[in-house]
Amino acid sequence: MTTPEWLKPGIYGALLGAAFVSIVGFSWGGWMTGNGAEEMANKLAGEEVIAALVPVCLDMSRTDNDRIAKLTTIREASSFKRRDAVMETGWATIPGSDGPNRDLAKACVEGLDLDAS
């Protein structure tokens, strides 16, 4: 099949235009693939679950019989080790799970009032 000479610039323009629109759309236009949308949704859902569980962590810290000793240990830990200290207390363990959650421990450290006496 031969295409007329006058049609070739239009075909090339359409192909280049489609490539340009695709690049601009995915780079700056906010378009994304299904996989990208799924990753974003999973990240957002995880953040929301952690935010919902922070009150559980804080309540566990308030009702713990060894609260004073554990808070002292957390306060004495350096700022980047406090998350690990909260994980060791058991307050960052999601009910029904086997071990502590690092993200929940980080959020719990931020929720604990460590500067108060």
PDB file of N, CA and C in Angstrom:
ATOM      1  N   MET A   1       0.845  -1.175   0.000  1.00  0.00           N
ATOM      2  CA  MET A   1       0.000   0.000   0.000  1.00  0.00           C
ATOM      3  C   MET A   1       0.891   1.239   0.000  1.00  0.00           C
ATOM      4  N   THR A   2       0.592   2.103  -0.890  1.00  0.00           N
ATOM      5  CA  THR A   2       1.339   3.345  -0.966  1.00  0.00           C
ATOM      6  C   THR A   2       0.457   4.480  -0.472  1.00  0.00           C
ATOM      7  N   THR A   3       1.080   5.359   0.276  1.00  0.00           N
ATOM      8  CA  THR A   3       0.333   6.514   0.771  1.00  0.00           C
ATOM      9  C   THR A   3       0.732   7.726  -0.056  1.00  0.00           C
ATOM     10  N   PRO A   4      -0.214   8.570  -0.295  1.00  0.00           N
ATOM     11  CA  PRO A   4       0.116   9.774  -1.075  1.00  0.00           C
ATOM     12  C   PRO A   4       1.101  10.658  -0.307  1.00  0.00           C
ATOM     13  N   GLU A   5       1.944  11.377  -1.030  1.00  0.00           N
ATOM     14  CA  GLU A   5       2.947  12.251  -0.420  1.00  0.00           C
ATOM     15  C   GLU A   5       2.318  13.305   0.466  1.00  0.00           C
ATOM     16  N   TRP A   6       1.172  13.825   0.104  1.00  0.00           N
ATOM     17  CA  TRP A   6       0.537  14.883   0.874  1.00  0.00           C
ATOM     18  C   TRP A   6       0.015  14.377   2.220  1.00  0.00           C
ATOM     19  N   LEU A   7      -0.131  13.041   2.426  1.00  0.00           N
ATOM     20  CA  LEU A   7      -0.660  12.477   3.666  1.00  0.00           C
ATOM     21  C   LEU A   7       0.447  12.199   4.696  1.00  0.00           C
ATOM     22  N   LYS A   8       1.672  12.018   4.223  1.00  0.00           N
ATOM     23  CA  LYS A   8       2.775  11.670   5.129  1.00  0.00           C
ATOM     24  C   LYS A   8       3.021  12.715   6.226  1.00  0.00           C
ATOM     25  N   PRO A   9       3.035  14.007   5.958  1.00  0.00           N
ATOM     26  CA  PRO A   9       3.247  14.978   7.051  1.00  0.00           C
ATOM     27  C   PRO A   9       2.144  14.911   8.116  1.00  0.00           C
ATOM     28  N   GLY A  10       0.944  14.641   7.698  1.00  0.00           N
ATOM     29  CA  GLY A  10      -0.171  14.518   8.656  1.00  0.00           C
ATOM     30  C   GLY A  10      -0.012  13.304   9.553  1.00  0.00           C
ATOM     31  N   ILE A  11       0.413  12.188   8.985  1.00  0.00           N
ATOM     32  CA  ILE A  11       0.637  10.967   9.774  1.00  0.00           C
ATOM     33  C   ILE A  11       1.770  11.184  10.764  1.00  0.00           C
ATOM     34  N   TYR A  12       2.887  11.775  10.286  1.00  0.00           N
ATOM     35  CA  TYR A  12       4.019  12.046  11.179  1.00  0.00           C
ATOM     36  C   TYR A  12       3.612  13.012  12.296  1.00  0.00           C
ATOM     37  N   GLY A  13       2.856  14.020  11.952  1.00  0.00           N
ATOM     38  CA  GLY A  13       2.395  14.994  12.944  1.00  0.00           C
ATOM     39  C   GLY A  13       1.502  14.348  13.991  1.00  0.00           C
ATOM     40  N   ALA A  14       0.619  13.450  13.540  1.00  0.00           N
ATOM     41  CA  ALA A  14      -0.275  12.758  14.479  1.00  0.00           C
ATOM     42  C   ALA A  14       0.519  11.859  15.425  1.00  0.00           C
ATOM     43  N   LEU A  15       1.501  11.140  14.891  1.00  0.00           N
ATOM     44  CA  LEU A  15       2.331  10.278  15.732  1.00  0.00           C
ATOM     45  C   LEU A  15       3.148  11.088  16.736  1.00  0.00           C
ATOM     46  N   LEU A  16       3.780  12.160  16.276  1.00  0.00           N
ATOM     47  CA  LEU A  16       4.558  13.010  17.183  1.00  0.00           C
ATOM     48  C   LEU A  16       3.651  13.694  18.213  1.00  0.00           C
ATOM     49  N   GLY A  17       2.488  14.121  17.788  1.00  0.00           N
ATOM     50  CA  GLY A  17       1.538  14.752  18.710  1.00  0.00           C
ATOM     51  C   GLY A  17       1.065  13.778  19.779  1.00  0.00           C
ATOM     52  N   ALA A  18       0.791  12.539  19.390  1.00  0.00           N
ATOM     53  CA  ALA A  18       0.358  11.529  20.354  1.00  0.00           C
ATOM     54  C   ALA A  18       1.463  11.237  21.360  1.00  0.00           C
ATOM     55  N   ALA A  19       2.702  11.138  20.876  1.00  0.00           N
ATOM     56  CA  ALA A  19       3.832  10.898  21.782  1.00  0.00           C
ATOM     57  C   ALA A  19       4.002  12.075  22.734  1.00  0.00           C
ATOM     58  N   PHE A  20       3.903  13.295  22.217  1.00  0.00           N
ATOM     59  CA  PHE A  20       4.063  14.483  23.050  1.00  0.00           C
ATOM     60  C   PHE A  20       2.966  14.565  24.117  1.00  0.00           C
ATOM     61  N   VAL A  21       1.722  14.340  23.718  1.00  0.00           N
ATOM     62  CA  VAL A  21       0.608  14.393  24.671  1.00  0.00           C
ATOM     63  C   VAL A  21       0.767  13.310  25.734  1.00  0.00           C
ATOM     64  N   SER A  22       1.221  12.136  25.362  1.00  0.00           N
ATOM     65  CA  SER A  22       1.435  11.059  26.331  1.00  0.00           C
ATOM     66  C   SER A  22       2.525  11.419  27.332  1.00  0.00           C
ATOM     67  N   ILE A  23       3.633  11.951  26.825  1.00  0.00           N
ATOM     68  CA  ILE A  23       4.741  12.323  27.716  1.00  0.00           C
ATOM     69  C   ILE A  23       4.304  13.426  28.668  1.00  0.00           C
ATOM     70  N   VAL A  24       3.667  14.453  28.154  1.00  0.00           N
ATOM     71  CA  VAL A  24       3.221  15.562  29.004  1.00  0.00           C
ATOM     72  C   VAL A  24       2.152  15.080  29.987  1.00  0.00           C
ATOM     73  N   GLY A  25       1.250  14.262  29.545  1.00  0.00           N
ATOM     74  CA  GLY A  25       0.171  13.779  30.416  1.00  0.00           C
ATOM     75  C   GLY A  25       0.681  12.949  31.576  1.00  0.00           C
ATOM     76  N   PHE A  26       1.616  12.035  31.308  1.00  0.00           N
ATOM     77  CA  PHE A  26       2.133  11.182  32.376  1.00  0.00           C
ATOM     78  C   PHE A  26       3.147  11.915  33.249  1.00  0.00           C
ATOM     79  N   SER A  27       3.849  12.908  32.687  1.00  0.00           N
ATOM     80  CA  SER A  27       4.855  13.624  33.473  1.00  0.00           C
ATOM     81  C   SER A  27       4.235  14.714  34.336  1.00  0.00           C
ATOM     82  N   TRP A  28       3.441  15.577  33.723  1.00  0.00           N
ATOM     83  CA  TRP A  28       2.928  16.734  34.451  1.00  0.00           C
ATOM     84  C   TRP A  28       1.402  16.754  34.560  1.00  0.00           C
ATOM     85  N   GLY A  29       0.729  15.961  33.782  1.00  0.00           N
ATOM     86  CA  GLY A  29      -0.726  16.033  33.738  1.00  0.00           C
ATOM     87  C   GLY A  29      -1.449  15.245  34.817  1.00  0.00           C
ATOM     88  N   GLY A  30      -0.715  14.459  35.586  1.00  0.00           N
ATOM     89  CA  GLY A  30      -1.356  13.699  36.640  1.00  0.00           C
ATOM     90  C   GLY A  30      -1.884  12.348  36.196  1.00  0.00           C
ATOM     91  N   TRP A  31      -1.647  11.974  34.962  1.00  0.00           N
ATOM     92  CA  TRP A  31      -2.078  10.659  34.512  1.00  0.00           C
ATOM     93  C   TRP A  31      -1.204   9.619  35.185  1.00  0.00           C
ATOM     94  N   MET A  32      -1.738   8.441  35.398  1.00  0.00           N
ATOM     95  CA  MET A  32      -0.929   7.348  35.933  1.00  0.00           C
ATOM     96  C   MET A  32      -1.481   6.021  35.476  1.00  0.00           C
ATOM     97  N   THR A  33      -0.623   5.023  35.597  1.00  0.00           N
ATOM     98  CA  THR A  33      -1.027   3.678  35.215  1.00  0.00           C
ATOM     99  C   THR A  33      -1.838   3.059  36.355  1.00  0.00           C
ATOM    100  N   GLY A  34      -2.462   1.962  36.098  1.00  0.00           N
ATOM    101  CA  GLY A  34      -3.227   1.266  37.130  1.00  0.00           C
ATOM    102  C   GLY A  34      -2.342   0.822  38.279  1.00  0.00           C
ATOM    103  N   ASN A  35      -1.131   0.381  37.967  1.00  0.00           N
ATOM    104  CA  ASN A  35      -0.195  -0.045  39.001  1.00  0.00           C
ATOM    105  C   ASN A  35       0.210   1.133  39.895  1.00  0.00           C
ATOM    106  N   GLY A  36       0.452   2.288  39.290  1.00  0.00           N
ATOM    107  CA  GLY A  36       0.802   3.482  40.061  1.00  0.00           C
ATOM    108  C   GLY A  36      -0.338   3.913  40.968  1.00  0.00           C
ATOM    109  N   ALA A  37      -1.561   3.831  40.466  1.00  0.00           N
ATOM    110  CA  ALA A  37      -2.719   4.193  41.273  1.00  0.00           C
ATOM    111  C   ALA A  37      -2.893   3.218  42.437  1.00  0.00           C
ATOM    112  N   GLU A  38      -2.637   1.944  42.179  1.00  0.00           N
ATOM    113  CA  GLU A  38      -2.754   0.940  43.242  1.00  0.00           C
ATOM    114  C   GLU A  38      -1.703   1.164  44.326  1.00  0.00           C
ATOM    115  N   GLU A  39      -0.474   1.490  43.924  1.00  0.00           N
ATOM    116  CA  GLU A  39       0.580   1.775  44.900  1.00  0.00           C
ATOM    117  C   GLU A  39       0.217   2.985  45.754  1.00  0.00           C
ATOM    118  N   MET A  40      -0.314   4.034  45.103  1.00  0.00           N
ATOM    119  CA  MET A  40      -0.704   5.231  45.841  1.00  0.00           C
ATOM    120  C   MET A  40      -1.842   4.927  46.814  1.00  0.00           C
ATOM    121  N   ALA A  41      -2.806   4.138  46.388  1.00  0.00           N
ATOM    122  CA  ALA A  41      -3.932   3.785  47.251  1.00  0.00           C
ATOM    123  C   ALA A  41      -3.469   2.948  48.439  1.00  0.00           C
ATOM    124  N   ASN A  42      -2.557   2.005  48.216  1.00  0.00           N
ATOM    125  CA  ASN A  42      -2.040   1.185  49.319  1.00  0.00           C
ATOM    126  C   ASN A  42      -1.269   2.025  50.323  1.00  0.00           C
ATOM    127  N   LYS A  43      -0.480   2.971  49.831  1.00  0.00           N
ATOM    128  CA  LYS A  43       0.280   3.844  50.726  1.00  0.00           C
ATOM    129  C   LYS A  43      -0.668   4.697  51.563  1.00  0.00           C
ATOM    130  N   LEU A  44      -1.674   5.272  50.926  1.00  0.00           N
ATOM    131  CA  LEU A  44      -2.633   6.112  51.629  1.00  0.00           C
ATOM    132  C   LEU A  44      -3.425   5.301  52.648  1.00  0.00           C
ATOM    133  N   ALA A  45      -3.821   4.086  52.274  1.00  0.00           N
ATOM    134  CA  ALA A  45      -4.564   3.232  53.200  1.00  0.00           C
ATOM    135  C   ALA A  45      -3.709   2.866  54.409  1.00  0.00           C
ATOM    136  N   GLY A  46      -2.428   2.566  54.175  1.00  0.00           N
ATOM    137  CA  GLY A  46      -1.530   2.255  55.284  1.00  0.00           C
ATOM    138  C   GLY A  46      -1.366   3.424  56.231  1.00  0.00           C
ATOM    139  N   GLU A  47      -1.236   4.632  55.681  1.00  0.00           N
ATOM    140  CA  GLU A  47      -1.107   5.826  56.511  1.00  0.00           C
ATOM    141  C   GLU A  47      -2.379   6.063  57.338  1.00  0.00           C
ATOM    142  N   GLU A  48      -3.527   5.822  56.732  1.00  0.00           N
ATOM    143  CA  GLU A  48      -4.788   6.024  57.441  1.00  0.00           C
ATOM    144  C   GLU A  48      -4.984   4.989  58.552  1.00  0.00           C
ATOM    145  N   VAL A  49      -4.559   3.759  58.309  1.00  0.00           N
ATOM    146  CA  VAL A  49      -4.655   2.720  59.339  1.00  0.00           C
ATOM    147  C   VAL A  49      -3.770   3.077  60.527  1.00  0.00           C
ATOM    148  N   ILE A  50      -2.557   3.532  60.252  1.00  0.00           N
ATOM    149  CA  ILE A  50      -1.644   3.935  61.330  1.00  0.00           C
ATOM    150  C   ILE A  50      -2.244   5.099  62.107  1.00  0.00           C
ATOM    151  N   ALA A  51      -2.793   6.082  61.400  1.00  0.00           N
ATOM    152  CA  ALA A  51      -3.412   7.231  62.076  1.00  0.00           C
ATOM    153  C   ALA A  51      -4.582   6.790  62.948  1.00  0.00           C
ATOM    154  N   ALA A  52      -5.325   5.785  62.499  1.00  0.00           N
ATOM    155  CA  ALA A  52      -6.451   5.300  63.289  1.00  0.00           C
ATOM    156  C   ALA A  52      -5.996   4.501  64.503  1.00  0.00           C
ATOM    157  N   LEU A  53      -4.807   3.898  64.443  1.00  0.00           N
ATOM    158  CA  LEU A  53      -4.316   3.075  65.551  1.00  0.00           C
ATOM    159  C   LEU A  53      -3.488   3.845  66.577  1.00  0.00           C
ATOM    160  N   VAL A  54      -3.125   5.074  66.285  1.00  0.00           N
ATOM    161  CA  VAL A  54      -2.358   5.862  67.256  1.00  0.00           C
ATOM    162  C   VAL A  54      -3.111   6.000  68.575  1.00  0.00           C
ATOM    163  N   PRO A  55      -4.419   6.277  68.584  1.00  0.00           N
ATOM    164  CA  PRO A  55      -5.120   6.343  69.872  1.00  0.00           C
ATOM    165  C   PRO A  55      -5.071   5.025  70.654  1.00  0.00           C
ATOM    166  N   VAL A  56      -5.037   3.894  69.954  1.00  0.00           N
ATOM    167  CA  VAL A  56      -4.917   2.601  70.635  1.00  0.00           C
ATOM    168  C   VAL A  56      -3.557   2.512  71.320  1.00  0.00           C
ATOM    169  N   CYS A  57      -2.506   2.924  70.632  1.00  0.00           N
ATOM    170  CA  CYS A  57      -1.161   2.915  71.201  1.00  0.00           C
ATOM    171  C   CYS A  57      -1.092   3.828  72.423  1.00  0.00           C
ATOM    172  N   LEU A  58      -1.652   5.029  72.299  1.00  0.00           N
ATOM    173  CA  LEU A  58      -1.623   5.970  73.419  1.00  0.00           C
ATOM    174  C   LEU A  58      -2.447   5.462  74.595  1.00  0.00           C
ATOM    175  N   ASP A  59      -3.568   4.798  74.307  1.00  0.00           N
ATOM    176  CA  ASP A  59      -4.376   4.229  75.383  1.00  0.00           C
ATOM    177  C   ASP A  59      -3.633   3.092  76.081  1.00  0.00           C
ATOM    178  N   MET A  60      -2.929   2.266  75.299  1.00  0.00           N
ATOM    179  CA  MET A  60      -2.136   1.192  75.897  1.00  0.00           C
ATOM    180  C   MET A  60      -1.050   1.773  76.795  1.00  0.00           C
ATOM    181  N   SER A  61      -0.484   2.913  76.391  1.00  0.00           N
ATOM    182  CA  SER A  61       0.556   3.530  77.228  1.00  0.00           C
ATOM    183  C   SER A  61      -0.043   4.108  78.507  1.00  0.00           C
ATOM    184  N   ARG A  62      -1.259   4.635  78.425  1.00  0.00           N
ATOM    185  CA  ARG A  62      -1.896   5.209  79.622  1.00  0.00           C
ATOM    186  C   ARG A  62      -2.312   4.156  80.631  1.00  0.00           C
ATOM    187  N   THR A  63      -2.697   2.972  80.142  1.00  0.00           N
ATOM    188  CA  THR A  63      -3.203   1.934  81.043  1.00  0.00           C
ATOM    189  C   THR A  63      -2.141   0.930  81.468  1.00  0.00           C
ATOM    190  N   ASP A  64      -0.910   1.102  81.007  1.00  0.00           N
ATOM    191  CA  ASP A  64       0.166   0.169  81.351  1.00  0.00           C
ATOM    192  C   ASP A  64       0.597   0.390  82.803  1.00  0.00           C
ATOM    193  N   ASN A  65       0.720  -0.698  83.548  1.00  0.00           N
ATOM    194  CA  ASN A  65       1.132  -0.608  84.951  1.00  0.00           C
ATOM    195  C   ASN A  65       2.575  -0.126  85.097  1.00  0.00           C
ATOM    196  N   ASP A  66       3.426  -0.414  84.132  1.00  0.00           N
ATOM    197  CA  ASP A  66       4.827   0.006  84.167  1.00  0.00           C
ATOM    198  C   ASP A  66       5.061   1.270  83.340  1.00  0.00           C
ATOM    199  N   ARG A  67       4.044   2.080  83.220  1.00  0.00           N
ATOM    200  CA  ARG A  67       4.095   3.285  82.381  1.00  0.00           C
ATOM    201  C   ARG A  67       5.285   4.179  82.730  1.00  0.00           C
ATOM    202  N   ILE A  68       5.489   4.473  83.983  1.00  0.00           N
ATOM    203  CA  ILE A  68       6.535   5.419  84.384  1.00  0.00           C
ATOM    204  C   ILE A  68       7.920   4.901  83.977  1.00  0.00           C
ATOM    205  N   ALA A  69       8.175   3.632  84.254  1.00  0.00           N
ATOM    206  CA  ALA A  69       9.483   3.064  83.916  1.00  0.00           C
ATOM    207  C   ALA A  69       9.695   3.031  82.402  1.00  0.00           C
ATOM    208  N   LYS A  70       8.660   2.667  81.668  1.00  0.00           N
ATOM    209  CA  LYS A  70       8.788   2.592  80.210  1.00  0.00           C
ATOM    210  C   LYS A  70       8.955   3.981  79.599  1.00  0.00           C
ATOM    211  N   LEU A  71       8.208   4.969  80.107  1.00  0.00           N
ATOM    212  CA  LEU A  71       8.364   6.332  79.602  1.00  0.00           C
ATOM    213  C   LEU A  71       9.755   6.873  79.905  1.00  0.00           C
ATOM    214  N   THR A  72      10.295   6.521  81.068  1.00  0.00           N
ATOM    215  CA  THR A  72      11.651   6.945  81.412  1.00  0.00           C
ATOM    216  C   THR A  72      12.651   6.344  80.435  1.00  0.00           C
ATOM    217  N   THR A  73      12.475   5.078  80.115  1.00  0.00           N
ATOM    218  CA  THR A  73      13.356   4.420  79.145  1.00  0.00           C
ATOM    219  C   THR A  73      13.256   5.091  77.778  1.00  0.00           C
ATOM    220  N   ILE A  74      12.051   5.431  77.372  1.00  0.00           N
ATOM    221  CA  ILE A  74      11.852   6.079  76.070  1.00  0.00           C
ATOM    222  C   ILE A  74      12.482   7.470  76.077  1.00  0.00           C
ATOM    223  N   ARG A  75      12.289   8.224  77.161  1.00  0.00           N
ATOM    224  CA  ARG A  75      12.867   9.572  77.248  1.00  0.00           C
ATOM    225  C   ARG A  75      14.396   9.527  77.221  1.00  0.00           C
ATOM    226  N   GLU A  76      14.979   8.525  77.868  1.00  0.00           N
ATOM    227  CA  GLU A  76      16.434   8.426  77.942  1.00  0.00           C
ATOM    228  C   GLU A  76      17.059   7.977  76.624  1.00  0.00           C
ATOM    229  N   ALA A  77      16.262   7.367  75.771  1.00  0.00           N
ATOM    230  CA  ALA A  77      16.776   6.927  74.466  1.00  0.00           C
ATOM    231  C   ALA A  77      17.011   8.149  73.586  1.00  0.00           C
ATOM    232  N   SER A  78      18.003   8.054  72.713  1.00  0.00           N
ATOM    233  CA  SER A  78      18.241   9.153  71.782  1.00  0.00           C
ATOM    234  C   SER A  78      17.037   9.272  70.851  1.00  0.00           C
ATOM    235  N   SER A  79      16.890  10.419  70.232  1.00  0.00           N
ATOM    236  CA  SER A  79      15.681  10.685  69.450  1.00  0.00           C
ATOM    237  C   SER A  79      15.462   9.674  68.330  1.00  0.00           C
ATOM    238  N   PHE A  80      16.524   9.168  67.737  1.00  0.00           N
ATOM    239  CA  PHE A  80      16.342   8.208  66.645  1.00  0.00           C
ATOM    240  C   PHE A  80      16.179   6.775  67.149  1.00  0.00           C
ATOM    241  N   LYS A  81      16.334   6.534  68.434  1.00  0.00           N
ATOM    242  CA  LYS A  81      16.127   5.199  69.012  1.00  0.00           C
ATOM    243  C   LYS A  81      14.796   5.099  69.764  1.00  0.00           C
ATOM    244  N   ARG A  82      14.068   6.190  69.864  1.00  0.00           N
ATOM    245  CA  ARG A  82      12.803   6.173  70.607  1.00  0.00           C
ATOM    246  C   ARG A  82      11.778   5.248  69.975  1.00  0.00           C
ATOM    247  N   ARG A  83      11.775   5.176  68.654  1.00  0.00           N
ATOM    248  CA  ARG A  83      10.830   4.276  67.987  1.00  0.00           C
ATOM    249  C   ARG A  83      11.087   2.839  68.424  1.00  0.00           C
ATOM    250  N   ASP A  84      12.348   2.434  68.478  1.00  0.00           N
ATOM    251  CA  ASP A  84      12.679   1.079  68.913  1.00  0.00           C
ATOM    252  C   ASP A  84      12.290   0.861  70.371  1.00  0.00           C
ATOM    253  N   ALA A  85      12.450   1.910  71.195  1.00  0.00           N
ATOM    254  CA  ALA A  85      12.078   1.795  72.601  1.00  0.00           C
ATOM    255  C   ALA A  85      10.574   1.610  72.745  1.00  0.00           C
ATOM    256  N   VAL A  86       9.786   2.303  71.951  1.00  0.00           N
ATOM    257  CA  VAL A  86       8.323   2.131  71.995  1.00  0.00           C
ATOM    258  C   VAL A  86       7.951   0.736  71.506  1.00  0.00           C
ATOM    259  N   MET A  87       8.664   0.234  70.516  1.00  0.00           N
ATOM    260  CA  MET A  87       8.392  -1.118  70.024  1.00  0.00           C
ATOM    261  C   MET A  87       8.666  -2.151  71.116  1.00  0.00           C
ATOM    262  N   GLU A  88       9.696  -1.916  71.922  1.00  0.00           N
ATOM    263  CA  GLU A  88      10.024  -2.858  72.993  1.00  0.00           C
ATOM    264  C   GLU A  88       8.982  -2.845  74.118  1.00  0.00           C
ATOM    265  N   THR A  89       8.282  -1.725  74.292  1.00  0.00           N
ATOM    266  CA  THR A  89       7.260  -1.657  75.350  1.00  0.00           C
ATOM    267  C   THR A  89       6.045  -2.505  75.017  1.00  0.00           C
ATOM    268  N   GLY A  90       5.820  -2.764  73.723  1.00  0.00           N
ATOM    269  CA  GLY A  90       4.647  -3.522  73.301  1.00  0.00           C
ATOM    270  C   GLY A  90       3.473  -2.638  72.950  1.00  0.00           C
ATOM    271  N   TRP A  91       3.615  -1.342  73.113  1.00  0.00           N
ATOM    272  CA  TRP A  91       2.517  -0.428  72.816  1.00  0.00           C
ATOM    273  C   TRP A  91       2.260  -0.304  71.320  1.00  0.00           C
ATOM    274  N   ALA A  92       3.234  -0.601  70.497  1.00  0.00           N
ATOM    275  CA  ALA A  92       3.093  -0.458  69.043  1.00  0.00           C
ATOM    276  C   ALA A  92       2.700  -1.766  68.368  1.00  0.00           C
ATOM    277  N   THR A  93       2.262  -2.728  69.153  1.00  0.00           N
ATOM    278  CA  THR A  93       1.818  -3.990  68.580  1.00  0.00           C
ATOM    279  C   THR A  93       0.327  -3.885  68.275  1.00  0.00           C
ATOM    280  N   ILE A  94      -0.012  -4.028  67.012  1.00  0.00           N
ATOM    281  CA  ILE A  94      -1.402  -3.944  66.588  1.00  0.00           C
ATOM    282  C   ILE A  94      -2.148  -5.150  67.154  1.00  0.00           C
ATOM    283  N   PRO A  95      -3.305  -4.930  67.775  1.00  0.00           N
ATOM    284  CA  PRO A  95      -4.058  -6.063  68.312  1.00  0.00           C
ATOM    285  C   PRO A  95      -4.306  -7.119  67.235  1.00  0.00           C
ATOM    286  N   GLY A  96      -3.944  -8.352  67.555  1.00  0.00           N
ATOM    287  CA  GLY A  96      -4.109  -9.459  66.627  1.00  0.00           C
ATOM    288  C   GLY A  96      -2.881  -9.759  65.798  1.00  0.00           C
ATOM    289  N   SER A  97      -1.823  -8.940  65.921  1.00  0.00           N
ATOM    290  CA  SER A  97      -0.608  -9.204  65.157  1.00  0.00           C
ATOM    291  C   SER A  97       0.444  -9.824  66.068  1.00  0.00           C
ATOM    292  N   ASP A  98       1.491 -10.342  65.443  1.00  0.00           N
ATOM    293  CA  ASP A  98       2.535 -11.037  66.197  1.00  0.00           C
ATOM    294  C   ASP A  98       3.588 -10.101  66.772  1.00  0.00           C
ATOM    295  N   GLY A  99       3.896  -9.033  66.070  1.00  0.00           N
ATOM    296  CA  GLY A  99       4.978  -8.160  66.513  1.00  0.00           C
ATOM    297  C   GLY A  99       4.624  -6.703  66.362  1.00  0.00           C
ATOM    298  N   PRO A 100       5.500  -5.834  66.846  1.00  0.00           N
ATOM    299  CA  PRO A 100       5.239  -4.400  66.767  1.00  0.00           C
ATOM    300  C   PRO A 100       5.361  -3.864  65.348  1.00  0.00           C
ATOM    301  N   ASN A 101       4.689  -2.761  65.113  1.00  0.00           N
ATOM    302  CA  ASN A 101       4.697  -2.108  63.810  1.00  0.00           C
ATOM    303  C   ASN A 101       5.565  -0.856  63.902  1.00  0.00           C
ATOM    304  N   ARG A 102       6.569  -0.742  63.038  1.00  0.00           N
ATOM    305  CA  ARG A 102       7.514   0.379  63.081  1.00  0.00           C
ATOM    306  C   ARG A 102       6.833   1.717  62.811  1.00  0.00           C
ATOM    307  N   ASP A 103       5.927   1.736  61.850  1.00  0.00           N
ATOM    308  CA  ASP A 103       5.246   2.987  61.523  1.00  0.00           C
ATOM    309  C   ASP A 103       4.347   3.443  62.671  1.00  0.00           C
ATOM    310  N   LEU A 104       3.678   2.492  63.295  1.00  0.00           N
ATOM    311  CA  LEU A 104       2.832   2.824  64.445  1.00  0.00           C
ATOM    312  C   LEU A 104       3.682   3.314  65.605  1.00  0.00           C
ATOM    313  N   ALA A 105       4.849   2.700  65.814  1.00  0.00           N
ATOM    314  CA  ALA A 105       5.744   3.136  66.892  1.00  0.00           C
ATOM    315  C   ALA A 105       6.211   4.566  66.654  1.00  0.00           C
ATOM    316  N   LYS A 106       6.530   4.898  65.407  1.00  0.00           N
ATOM    317  CA  LYS A 106       6.963   6.259  65.089  1.00  0.00           C
ATOM    318  C   LYS A 106       5.848   7.258  65.361  1.00  0.00           C
ATOM    319  N   ALA A 107       4.630   6.920  64.933  1.00  0.00           N
ATOM    320  CA  ALA A 107       3.499   7.814  65.159  1.00  0.00           C
ATOM    321  C   ALA A 107       3.172   7.919  66.648  1.00  0.00           C
ATOM    322  N   CYS A 108       3.346   6.819  67.373  1.00  0.00           N
ATOM    323  CA  CYS A 108       3.071   6.814  68.807  1.00  0.00           C
ATOM    324  C   CYS A 108       4.073   7.693  69.553  1.00  0.00           C
ATOM    325  N   VAL A 109       5.338   7.660  69.143  1.00  0.00           N
ATOM    326  CA  VAL A 109       6.350   8.516  69.768  1.00  0.00           C
ATOM    327  C   VAL A 109       5.961   9.974  69.602  1.00  0.00           C
ATOM    328  N   GLU A 110       5.469  10.321  68.429  1.00  0.00           N
ATOM    329  CA  GLU A 110       5.041  11.693  68.179  1.00  0.00           C
ATOM    330  C   GLU A 110       3.824  12.062  69.026  1.00  0.00           C
ATOM    331  N   GLY A 111       2.963  11.080  69.327  1.00  0.00           N
ATOM    332  CA  GLY A 111       1.766  11.338  70.121  1.00  0.00           C
ATOM    333  C   GLY A 111       2.012  11.368  71.618  1.00  0.00           C
ATOM    334  N   LEU A 112       3.063  10.684  72.064  1.00  0.00           N
ATOM    335  CA  LEU A 112       3.385  10.694  73.487  1.00  0.00           C
ATOM    336  C   LEU A 112       3.951  12.057  73.867  1.00  0.00           C
ATOM    337  N   ASP A 113       3.556  12.558  75.019  1.00  0.00           N
ATOM    338  CA  ASP A 113       4.074  13.837  75.492  1.00  0.00           C
ATOM    339  C   ASP A 113       5.317  13.537  76.319  1.00  0.00           C
ATOM    340  N   LEU A 114       6.465  13.427  75.648  1.00  0.00           N
ATOM    341  CA  LEU A 114       7.693  13.021  76.315  1.00  0.00           C
ATOM    342  C   LEU A 114       8.377  14.170  77.047  1.00  0.00           C
ATOM    343  N   ASP A 115       7.963  15.395  76.789  1.00  0.00           N
ATOM    344  CA  ASP A 115       8.580  16.533  77.457  1.00  0.00           C
ATOM    345  C   ASP A 115       7.934  16.827  78.814  1.00  0.00           C
ATOM    346  N   ALA A 116       6.716  16.304  79.009  1.00  0.00           N
ATOM    347  CA  ALA A 116       6.034  16.535  80.291  1.00  0.00           C
ATOM    348  C   ALA A 116       6.594  15.589  81.353  1.00  0.00           C
ATOM    349  N   SER A 117       6.433  15.939  82.577  1.00  0.00           N
ATOM    350  CA  SER A 117       6.932  15.096  83.656  1.00  0.00           C
ATOM    351  C   SER A 117       6.026  13.946  83.928  1.00  0.00           C
TER     352      SER A 117
END
